[in-house]
Each structure stands twice: as structure tokens, then as C-alpha cells.
Amino acid sequence: MKKHIIGLMVAVLFVSAVACLSDSENPVIPTSITSGDLLVDTGFTLGSEGLYLYDNLGEYSAFTLRWDEVEDAQYYEIRAQEEPISLDNWDDCVVMATIQAPADTANVFNVIEVQSEPCIACGLCEQACPSNAITVQGGIAIIDYERCTSCGQCMDVCPVDAITGTRNGTNYYFGLRAFYNIDNPSPDVMSTSDSYRIIFFNARESFFGPQTKNCALCTTGSDSLGCYGGCHILNDWYTAEREISTGSGCPEDAVWQDTLPIGPRHDMIYIDYENCTSCGVCFTECWNYNDVIDPTGTYEGMKSAMHKVVPSGWITNQPLRP
């Protein structure tokens, strides 16, 4: 899984670099923005291959975009922006990917990057990262992408704007532009009519279905399916001897268990979106992602906390926290 993730990250960074190059060599301003021609899939995001078809559903912080193929296009450039995309702000949008034609669909990832030149190695990002994914080495902040969850908290504290990218929990409009060659872009840009964000969502599915995305509804303090001391994301233990912790728990106290019960499932684990900062700690711990919680890999977690794409107006239908 590590090699798969690293390969994807390298690919994303590579195509982003190519897109930046093409933009710098091609200052042509688009003459029209067509809203609604670019579509974004909602629901749980894609994942790496597993034992079953949906085994790792919701693994990646990626949007799936769809559009109508442009005749004679050589490649496409995909950008994102928190505001609706217009002729005036196209150049200010974040370049997310370059997709070689022919293509009518693409997966674009939320990726946080450190720009080496403005970075002053102050260490504020290292202190702010909830996943311990950043260290300052050789005068520059370095991101460990096996731990990074694209929460963007490092971006918030950077005093020199040296950290860029797109992040989970933030709504983005997307734009797509066809290029016939590096010096000949289409004058038209497709864009989404709504903005979308990636959230974390804890799911309960059938144990007898084709997927293993199942919150085990563990009761805190008792031996149960999945872990011995309760939920993976509620700061408990994996072994009966209490030798392996299942993690530190949510740093924002945004994860709660319905022990009353007030919802449809007794002992279900929910996310309080009023407090959630999309830090991704619940995801990392629920999956033991990249062996971060247990380096020996003796357990994988329940994989029930997943990335989910929702439109800007999405409101959870989960019960309210008591």
C-alpha cells in the first residue's frame, strides 16, 4: 500500500509541475467560462485494490471529475478555486493535475506542498501538524506523505505562505481547459456549477456484503470485535494485554459514541461536524494507515472512517450529539 500511495503522490506532483510549466509558457487568457459542463462524483472516494472490489473504498483524498471529450485535445489542465471560476481568476486557481488525452474522467488529489524558496524553516508547521507528518530538515519543512492527511493546518500557520495546495474540509470549484498543444489552449474553460469538499465519514455496512467498511460498534472498556478496549478512534487498545494502543483519539473531541442510544444503531461512532477540523486522525487510526499506529502491521483496523465527497450545501443526517 505504501508504494501505491507514494506512486500516486509522485504522479500527482509530476503532472502538476507540467501544468505549471505549460501555464507559464502560455499566458493566453480564456475567453469563456461554461458553468456546469464539468461534473464531480459524490460519495465515498476511490481506494487501492483490495481482496474485494470495494475493500479500500474511501481511502484516497481524491475527487473524480467527468467531462465531454474535446476533439483534437492533446491534454487537459484541471484547476481548483474556493470561489466560482471566472475569466478574472483563472490564473489564480490552484493547478491540480494535467491529464493526457484522450480522456473524459480523472481523479485529482488534495495534496499539500512546501515551496522551498519562501520557506524559512520556522517550525510552526511542524508544531501545528496533528499527524506528526512534518519535520524541518536542512532548512526546509519536509512532509511525510505516509502520514499527511491534507488537513491544511500547516498552511494556516505558515507566516510566509510557503505551503500551498488543496485541503480536506474546504469547498472547491473545479475548472478544466483543453490544450491542443503547449502553445495552443482552448479559449473555453469548463467549470463546475457547485463547489465540493472531502469530509471524513464513519460508515456501518453489512458484515456479509462485499466490503469490509464496517464500524464494529465496539463498547468502550470491553473486549469486542475489532479491538479489545473499544473503538480504534476513541483512544483505546488493540491487545488484551493493552500493549498496542489504537491511537490517540480525536484531538478536537469531534468523535462520539451513541451509547444512549438516540440514533438507529446502538454504540455507533459518529463525527460531530461542528467540531471536526478534517485533520484525518480518525481515518489514520481507524485504518492503522501505513502502519502509523502499529508499525508491526498486526492489525489493519476496521476501515470504517472514510473520505467522502459532498457538495457545498451538504448537511449530515446523523443524530445530534447529546
Foldseek 3Di string as FASTA:
>chain_A
DVVVLVVVVVQFVVQLVVVVVLCVVAVDQFDEEAAAQKDWDFWWDPADDDPFPCAQTQPAQKIKMFHDFDPLFQKKWKWKDLDFDDSVCPVVTRTFGIGGPPDGMDITHFDKDFAQVQQQLPCPLCVQQPQNQWDRDPRGIDGNVLRAQQLCSSCVPRPRNRMDTHGAPGWIKMKMWTASDSHRTHSYIYIYPFTKGKAKWFDADDPPDRYLQHFQLFDACAQGPQAGGGALQCFAARDPVRPFILDDHDPQPQKDFQCVPPWPDHSDIGGNVVRDSRSCRSQCSQQCRPVSRHVVPPDGHRNRTRITMDTPPDDDPTDDDD
